[in-house]
């Protein structure tokens, strides 16, 4: 009898571990993500004012919309994805199409079929076509042809790009290479300088590509 009780207790324990918590992990992660996006302690007026944010993203039934700093919904949750507002617009996705909306939710760039469309920075947004990245303006006009394996977003008039050899450099807003693609990695420009990686060591350059900090640092956070 004692042996039977021990066996039953063991089986009950197994069910508790494997049977009772049968909710898919991705569902619980998704709920947690939605909770964070809607958490007023994270997306508060204080945070918004400090970061210069006017609207916060909200998710309802798997769709993305926006609310203001007072918590009022200003753009209904109807998009599959939506970038934070940048330069007065948000890049949104519905199905396999991308577009841009203004702060009232009106389309300033109608939805169009693209593999990807990034947010607007320095008047340009990256897009993906045939596995290569280029840039369009807020009207959807192609400004820089898609020819890079990866691109960052524009900052201070320059953008990090990577070629098919894995080398990074910088282009300007008309697509001209201003710093040759030569680095293992390169960061966005901030206050006129950017960090670059050479032979697994980090240094810094100015906007003309001149080394202003020799690549002698083991980490990028020196």
C-alpha atoms as a PDB file:
ATOM      1  CA  UNK A   1       0.000   0.000   0.000  1.00  0.00           C
ATOM      2  CA  UNK A   2       2.803   2.373   0.931  1.00  0.00           C
ATOM      3  CA  UNK A   3       4.523   1.569  -2.364  1.00  0.00           C
ATOM      4  CA  UNK A   4       1.329   2.417  -4.308  1.00  0.00           C
ATOM      5  CA  UNK A   5       1.018   5.749  -2.487  1.00  0.00           C
ATOM      6  CA  UNK A   6       4.618   6.620  -3.334  1.00  0.00           C
ATOM      7  CA  UNK A   7       4.055   5.782  -7.018  1.00  0.00           C
ATOM      8  CA  UNK A   8       0.877   7.891  -7.138  1.00  0.00           C
ATOM      9  CA  UNK A   9       2.687  10.812  -5.502  1.00  0.00           C
ATOM     10  CA  UNK A  10       5.482  10.534  -8.052  1.00  0.00           C
ATOM     11  CA  UNK A  11       3.028  10.525 -10.982  1.00  0.00           C
ATOM     12  CA  UNK A  12       1.145  13.491  -9.524  1.00  0.00           C
ATOM     13  CA  UNK A  13       4.415  15.395  -9.308  1.00  0.00           C
ATOM     14  CA  UNK A  14       5.181  14.665 -12.946  1.00  0.00           C
ATOM     15  CA  UNK A  15       1.756  15.913 -13.991  1.00  0.00           C
ATOM     16  CA  UNK A  16       2.350  19.065 -11.995  1.00  0.00           C
ATOM     17  CA  UNK A  17       5.571  19.717 -13.888  1.00  0.00           C
ATOM     18  CA  UNK A  18       4.561  18.656 -17.391  1.00  0.00           C
ATOM     19  CA  UNK A  19       0.783  18.607 -17.497  1.00  0.00           C
ATOM     20  CA  UNK A  20      -0.539  21.602 -15.633  1.00  0.00           C
ATOM     21  CA  UNK A  21       1.618  24.249 -17.283  1.00  0.00           C
ATOM     22  CA  UNK A  22       0.622  23.466 -20.865  1.00  0.00           C
ATOM     23  CA  UNK A  23       0.467  27.082 -22.055  1.00  0.00           C
ATOM     24  CA  UNK A  24       2.855  27.653 -24.994  1.00  0.00           C
ATOM     25  CA  UNK A  25       5.900  29.679 -23.984  1.00  0.00           C
ATOM     26  CA  UNK A  26       5.502  32.023 -26.943  1.00  0.00           C
ATOM     27  CA  UNK A  27       2.015  32.967 -25.732  1.00  0.00           C
ATOM     28  CA  UNK A  28       3.251  33.828 -22.261  1.00  0.00           C
ATOM     29  CA  UNK A  29       6.157  35.801 -23.745  1.00  0.00           C
ATOM     30  CA  UNK A  30       3.720  37.669 -25.989  1.00  0.00           C
ATOM     31  CA  UNK A  31       1.490  38.551 -23.046  1.00  0.00           C
ATOM     32  CA  UNK A  32       4.498  39.742 -21.091  1.00  0.00           C
ATOM     33  CA  UNK A  33       5.576  41.903 -24.036  1.00  0.00           C
ATOM     34  CA  UNK A  34       2.123  43.451 -24.288  1.00  0.00           C
ATOM     35  CA  UNK A  35       2.107  44.057 -20.550  1.00  0.00           C
ATOM     36  CA  UNK A  36       5.439  45.885 -20.752  1.00  0.00           C
ATOM     37  CA  UNK A  37       4.275  48.041 -23.662  1.00  0.00           C
ATOM     38  CA  UNK A  38       1.192  49.063 -21.724  1.00  0.00           C
ATOM     39  CA  UNK A  39       2.891  49.395 -18.341  1.00  0.00           C
ATOM     40  CA  UNK A  40       2.496  53.034 -17.184  1.00  0.00           C
ATOM     41  CA  UNK A  41       5.571  52.630 -14.979  1.00  0.00           C
ATOM     42  CA  UNK A  42       7.645  52.128 -18.146  1.00  0.00           C
ATOM     43  CA  UNK A  43       5.708  54.195 -20.670  1.00  0.00           C
ATOM     44  CA  UNK A  44       4.954  57.107 -18.361  1.00  0.00           C
ATOM     45  CA  UNK A  45       4.653  60.834 -18.963  1.00  0.00           C
ATOM     46  CA  UNK A  46       7.974  61.259 -17.189  1.00  0.00           C
ATOM     47  CA  UNK A  47       9.657  58.789 -19.564  1.00  0.00           C
ATOM     48  CA  UNK A  48       8.033  60.393 -22.598  1.00  0.00           C
ATOM     49  CA  UNK A  49       8.997  63.926 -21.655  1.00  0.00           C
ATOM     50  CA  UNK A  50      12.535  62.880 -20.786  1.00  0.00           C
ATOM     51  CA  UNK A  51      13.027  60.986 -24.055  1.00  0.00           C
ATOM     52  CA  UNK A  52      11.137  63.485 -26.208  1.00  0.00           C
ATOM     53  CA  UNK A  53       8.441  60.909 -27.001  1.00  0.00           C
ATOM     54  CA  UNK A  54       4.930  62.096 -27.839  1.00  0.00           C
ATOM     55  CA  UNK A  55       3.174  58.761 -28.379  1.00  0.00           C
ATOM     56  CA  UNK A  56       3.721  55.290 -26.958  1.00  0.00           C
ATOM     57  CA  UNK A  57       2.916  52.062 -28.783  1.00  0.00           C
ATOM     58  CA  UNK A  58       0.080  49.909 -27.471  1.00  0.00           C
ATOM     59  CA  UNK A  59      -0.919  46.392 -28.472  1.00  0.00           C
ATOM     60  CA  UNK A  60      -4.438  45.007 -28.470  1.00  0.00           C
ATOM     61  CA  UNK A  61      -5.371  41.597 -29.864  1.00  0.00           C
ATOM     62  CA  UNK A  62      -1.974  41.367 -31.537  1.00  0.00           C
ATOM     63  CA  UNK A  63      -2.327  44.699 -33.353  1.00  0.00           C
ATOM     64  CA  UNK A  64      -0.299  47.846 -32.719  1.00  0.00           C
ATOM     65  CA  UNK A  65      -1.571  51.387 -32.188  1.00  0.00           C
ATOM     66  CA  UNK A  66      -0.569  54.470 -30.193  1.00  0.00           C
ATOM     67  CA  UNK A  67      -1.593  56.365 -27.075  1.00  0.00           C
ATOM     68  CA  UNK A  68      -0.510  59.772 -25.842  1.00  0.00           C
ATOM     69  CA  UNK A  69       1.283  60.520 -22.583  1.00  0.00           C
ATOM     70  CA  UNK A  70      -2.043  60.835 -20.765  1.00  0.00           C
ATOM     71  CA  UNK A  71      -2.913  57.253 -21.695  1.00  0.00           C
ATOM     72  CA  UNK A  72      -5.579  58.151 -24.262  1.00  0.00           C
ATOM     73  CA  UNK A  73      -5.676  56.116 -27.470  1.00  0.00           C
ATOM     74  CA  UNK A  74      -4.912  58.405 -30.416  1.00  0.00           C
ATOM     75  CA  UNK A  75      -4.409  55.791 -33.146  1.00  0.00           C
ATOM     76  CA  UNK A  76      -6.366  52.549 -32.935  1.00  0.00           C
ATOM     77  CA  UNK A  77      -4.503  49.247 -32.724  1.00  0.00           C
ATOM     78  CA  UNK A  78      -4.847  47.949 -36.279  1.00  0.00           C
ATOM     79  CA  UNK A  79      -1.308  47.474 -37.606  1.00  0.00           C
ATOM     80  CA  UNK A  80       0.781  44.311 -37.619  1.00  0.00           C
ATOM     81  CA  UNK A  81       3.771  46.436 -36.636  1.00  0.00           C
ATOM     82  CA  UNK A  82       4.452  50.128 -36.124  1.00  0.00           C
ATOM     83  CA  UNK A  83       7.712  51.949 -35.481  1.00  0.00           C
ATOM     84  CA  UNK A  84       7.981  54.688 -32.884  1.00  0.00           C
ATOM     85  CA  UNK A  85       7.370  58.110 -34.422  1.00  0.00           C
ATOM     86  CA  UNK A  86      10.402  59.734 -35.991  1.00  0.00           C
ATOM     87  CA  UNK A  87      10.344  63.074 -37.801  1.00  0.00           C
ATOM     88  CA  UNK A  88       6.571  63.193 -37.390  1.00  0.00           C
ATOM     89  CA  UNK A  89       5.781  59.834 -39.007  1.00  0.00           C
ATOM     90  CA  UNK A  90       5.604  56.167 -38.076  1.00  0.00           C
ATOM     91  CA  UNK A  91       6.379  53.320 -40.444  1.00  0.00           C
ATOM     92  CA  UNK A  92       3.588  50.745 -40.254  1.00  0.00           C
ATOM     93  CA  UNK A  93       3.014  47.271 -41.632  1.00  0.00           C
ATOM     94  CA  UNK A  94      -0.169  45.516 -42.678  1.00  0.00           C
ATOM     95  CA  UNK A  95       0.367  42.049 -44.061  1.00  0.00           C
ATOM     96  CA  UNK A  96       3.224  42.237 -46.553  1.00  0.00           C
ATOM     97  CA  UNK A  97       2.796  45.959 -47.189  1.00  0.00           C
ATOM     98  CA  UNK A  98       4.458  48.946 -45.543  1.00  0.00           C
ATOM     99  CA  UNK A  99       3.572  52.624 -45.376  1.00  0.00           C
ATOM    100  CA  UNK A 100       3.883  55.704 -43.164  1.00  0.00           C
ATOM    101  CA  UNK A 101       1.294  57.504 -41.059  1.00  0.00           C
ATOM    102  CA  UNK A 102       1.267  60.928 -39.431  1.00  0.00           C
ATOM    103  CA  UNK A 103       0.420  61.651 -35.802  1.00  0.00           C
ATOM    104  CA  UNK A 104      -3.304  61.606 -36.596  1.00  0.00           C
ATOM    105  CA  UNK A 105      -3.090  58.176 -38.182  1.00  0.00           C
ATOM    106  CA  UNK A 106      -3.429  59.441 -41.757  1.00  0.00           C
ATOM    107  CA  UNK A 107      -1.265  57.859 -44.428  1.00  0.00           C
ATOM    108  CA  UNK A 108       1.492  60.125 -45.716  1.00  0.00           C
ATOM    109  CA  UNK A 109       2.917  57.190 -47.650  1.00  0.00           C
ATOM    110  CA  UNK A 110       0.363  54.685 -48.870  1.00  0.00           C
ATOM    111  CA  UNK A 111       0.895  50.996 -48.202  1.00  0.00           C
ATOM    112  CA  UNK A 112       3.108  49.329 -50.785  1.00  0.00           C
ATOM    113  CA  UNK A 113       4.563  45.852 -51.203  1.00  0.00           C
ATOM    114  CA  UNK A 114       8.081  45.737 -49.747  1.00  0.00           C
ATOM    115  CA  UNK A 115      10.192  43.174 -47.936  1.00  0.00           C
ATOM    116  CA  UNK A 116      10.907  45.765 -45.247  1.00  0.00           C
ATOM    117  CA  UNK A 117      10.652  49.507 -44.601  1.00  0.00           C
ATOM    118  CA  UNK A 118      12.464  51.220 -41.735  1.00  0.00           C
ATOM    119  CA  UNK A 119      11.692  54.404 -39.846  1.00  0.00           C
ATOM    120  CA  UNK A 120      12.489  57.874 -41.166  1.00  0.00           C
ATOM    121  CA  UNK A 121      15.774  59.505 -40.142  1.00  0.00           C
ATOM    122  CA  UNK A 122      17.332  62.539 -41.815  1.00  0.00           C
ATOM    123  CA  UNK A 123      14.459  62.331 -44.307  1.00  0.00           C
ATOM    124  CA  UNK A 124      15.265  58.781 -45.436  1.00  0.00           C
ATOM    125  CA  UNK A 125      14.022  55.297 -44.560  1.00  0.00           C
ATOM    126  CA  UNK A 126      15.780  52.055 -45.406  1.00  0.00           C
ATOM    127  CA  UNK A 127      13.984  49.455 -47.505  1.00  0.00           C
ATOM    128  CA  UNK A 128      14.750  45.879 -48.496  1.00  0.00           C
ATOM    129  CA  UNK A 129      14.373  44.504 -52.013  1.00  0.00           C
ATOM    130  CA  UNK A 130      15.886  41.293 -53.366  1.00  0.00           C
ATOM    131  CA  UNK A 131      17.935  40.893 -50.166  1.00  0.00           C
ATOM    132  CA  UNK A 132      19.618  44.283 -50.600  1.00  0.00           C
ATOM    133  CA  UNK A 133      19.024  47.543 -48.724  1.00  0.00           C
ATOM    134  CA  UNK A 134      18.512  51.008 -50.139  1.00  0.00           C
ATOM    135  CA  UNK A 135      16.686  54.179 -49.061  1.00  0.00           C
ATOM    136  CA  UNK A 136      13.482  56.017 -49.961  1.00  0.00           C
ATOM    137  CA  UNK A 137      12.208  59.425 -48.892  1.00  0.00           C
ATOM    138  CA  UNK A 138       8.908  60.145 -47.139  1.00  0.00           C
ATOM    139  CA  UNK A 139       7.147  60.156 -50.523  1.00  0.00           C
ATOM    140  CA  UNK A 140       8.333  56.627 -51.260  1.00  0.00           C
ATOM    141  CA  UNK A 141      10.734  57.797 -53.956  1.00  0.00           C
ATOM    142  CA  UNK A 142      13.929  55.791 -54.261  1.00  0.00           C
ATOM    143  CA  UNK A 143      16.915  57.944 -53.327  1.00  0.00           C
ATOM    144  CA  UNK A 144      19.625  55.315 -52.840  1.00  0.00           C
ATOM    145  CA  UNK A 145      19.458  52.095 -54.831  1.00  0.00           C
ATOM    146  CA  UNK A 146      19.335  48.816 -52.876  1.00  0.00           C
ATOM    147  CA  UNK A 147      22.866  47.416 -53.030  1.00  0.00           C
ATOM    148  CA  UNK A 148      24.002  46.907 -49.437  1.00  0.00           C
ATOM    149  CA  UNK A 149      23.809  43.754 -47.329  1.00  0.00           C
ATOM    150  CA  UNK A 150      22.922  45.777 -44.236  1.00  0.00           C
ATOM    151  CA  UNK A 151      22.355  49.405 -43.315  1.00  0.00           C
ATOM    152  CA  UNK A 152      21.809  51.311 -40.090  1.00  0.00           C
ATOM    153  CA  UNK A 153      19.652  54.449 -39.851  1.00  0.00           C
ATOM    154  CA  UNK A 154      20.957  57.891 -40.786  1.00  0.00           C
ATOM    155  CA  UNK A 155      22.429  59.995 -38.017  1.00  0.00           C
ATOM    156  CA  UNK A 156      23.986  63.438 -38.424  1.00  0.00           C
ATOM    157  CA  UNK A 157      23.702  63.106 -42.199  1.00  0.00           C
ATOM    158  CA  UNK A 158      25.641  59.836 -42.481  1.00  0.00           C
ATOM    159  CA  UNK A 159      24.705  56.168 -42.370  1.00  0.00           C
ATOM    160  CA  UNK A 160      26.664  52.993 -41.669  1.00  0.00           C
ATOM    161  CA  UNK A 161      26.415  50.451 -44.504  1.00  0.00           C
ATOM    162  CA  UNK A 162      27.900  46.990 -45.029  1.00  0.00           C
ATOM    163  CA  UNK A 163      28.886  45.389 -48.327  1.00  0.00           C
ATOM    164  CA  UNK A 164      28.921  41.726 -49.355  1.00  0.00           C
ATOM    165  CA  UNK A 165      32.502  41.429 -48.085  1.00  0.00           C
ATOM    166  CA  UNK A 166      31.351  42.241 -44.572  1.00  0.00           C
ATOM    167  CA  UNK A 167      33.082  45.635 -44.521  1.00  0.00           C
ATOM    168  CA  UNK A 168      31.462  48.726 -43.009  1.00  0.00           C
ATOM    169  CA  UNK A 169      31.690  52.350 -44.066  1.00  0.00           C
ATOM    170  CA  UNK A 170      29.549  55.479 -44.364  1.00  0.00           C
ATOM    171  CA  UNK A 171      27.375  57.083 -47.034  1.00  0.00           C
ATOM    172  CA  UNK A 172      25.679  60.481 -47.141  1.00  0.00           C
ATOM    173  CA  UNK A 173      22.026  61.223 -47.891  1.00  0.00           C
ATOM    174  CA  UNK A 174      22.511  61.036 -51.671  1.00  0.00           C
ATOM    175  CA  UNK A 175      24.312  57.706 -51.462  1.00  0.00           C
ATOM    176  CA  UNK A 176      27.869  58.953 -51.891  1.00  0.00           C
ATOM    177  CA  UNK A 177      30.478  56.944 -49.976  1.00  0.00           C
ATOM    178  CA  UNK A 178      32.196  59.437 -47.678  1.00  0.00           C
ATOM    179  CA  UNK A 179      34.148  56.944 -45.554  1.00  0.00           C
ATOM    180  CA  UNK A 180      35.366  53.850 -47.402  1.00  0.00           C
ATOM    181  CA  UNK A 181      33.918  50.471 -46.471  1.00  0.00           C
ATOM    182  CA  UNK A 182      36.904  49.108 -44.560  1.00  0.00           C
ATOM    183  CA  UNK A 183      35.907  48.405 -40.962  1.00  0.00           C
ATOM    184  CA  UNK A 184      34.861  45.193 -39.234  1.00  0.00           C
ATOM    185  CA  UNK A 185      32.102  47.172 -37.588  1.00  0.00           C
ATOM    186  CA  UNK A 186      31.098  50.815 -37.246  1.00  0.00           C
ATOM    187  CA  UNK A 187      28.594  52.698 -35.106  1.00  0.00           C
ATOM    188  CA  UNK A 188      26.290  55.625 -35.832  1.00  0.00           C
ATOM    189  CA  UNK A 189      27.720  59.116 -35.537  1.00  0.00           C
ATOM    190  CA  UNK A 190      27.011  60.936 -32.303  1.00  0.00           C
ATOM    191  CA  UNK A 191      28.322  64.437 -31.677  1.00  0.00           C
ATOM    192  CA  UNK A 192      30.553  64.219 -34.732  1.00  0.00           C
ATOM    193  CA  UNK A 193      32.299  60.955 -33.983  1.00  0.00           C
ATOM    194  CA  UNK A 194      31.709  57.227 -34.397  1.00  0.00           C
ATOM    195  CA  UNK A 195      33.330  54.090 -33.051  1.00  0.00           C
ATOM    196  CA  UNK A 196      34.956  51.661 -35.477  1.00  0.00           C
ATOM    197  CA  UNK A 197      36.449  48.181 -35.173  1.00  0.00           C
ATOM    198  CA  UNK A 198      39.765  47.221 -36.807  1.00  0.00           C
ATOM    199  CA  UNK A 199      41.439  43.843 -36.224  1.00  0.00           C
ATOM    200  CA  UNK A 200      39.129  43.169 -33.265  1.00  0.00           C
ATOM    201  CA  UNK A 201      40.109  46.422 -31.558  1.00  0.00           C
ATOM    202  CA  UNK A 202      38.065  49.599 -31.217  1.00  0.00           C
ATOM    203  CA  UNK A 203      38.822  53.219 -31.982  1.00  0.00           C
ATOM    204  CA  UNK A 204      36.965  56.292 -33.252  1.00  0.00           C
ATOM    205  CA  UNK A 205      36.783  58.476 -36.363  1.00  0.00           C
ATOM    206  CA  UNK A 206      35.377  61.875 -37.276  1.00  0.00           C
ATOM    207  CA  UNK A 207      33.019  62.547 -40.188  1.00  0.00           C
ATOM    208  CA  UNK A 208      35.840  62.768 -42.715  1.00  0.00           C
ATOM    209  CA  UNK A 209      37.034  59.307 -41.695  1.00  0.00           C
ATOM    210  CA  UNK A 210      40.095  60.551 -39.840  1.00  0.00           C
ATOM    211  CA  UNK A 211      41.147  58.434 -36.863  1.00  0.00           C
ATOM    212  CA  UNK A 212      40.699  60.487 -33.701  1.00  0.00           C
ATOM    213  CA  UNK A 213      41.133  57.571 -31.292  1.00  0.00           C
ATOM    214  CA  UNK A 214      43.495  54.771 -32.270  1.00  0.00           C
ATOM    215  CA  UNK A 215      41.991  51.277 -32.432  1.00  0.00           C
ATOM    216  CA  UNK A 216      43.662  49.943 -29.307  1.00  0.00           C
ATOM    217  CA  UNK A 217      40.638  49.222 -27.133  1.00  0.00           C
ATOM    218  CA  UNK A 218      39.436  45.673 -26.557  1.00  0.00           C
ATOM    219  CA  UNK A 219      35.827  46.766 -26.076  1.00  0.00           C
ATOM    220  CA  UNK A 220      33.661  49.417 -27.713  1.00  0.00           C
ATOM    221  CA  UNK A 221      32.658  50.817 -24.311  1.00  0.00           C
ATOM    222  CA  UNK A 222      35.987  52.300 -23.258  1.00  0.00           C
END
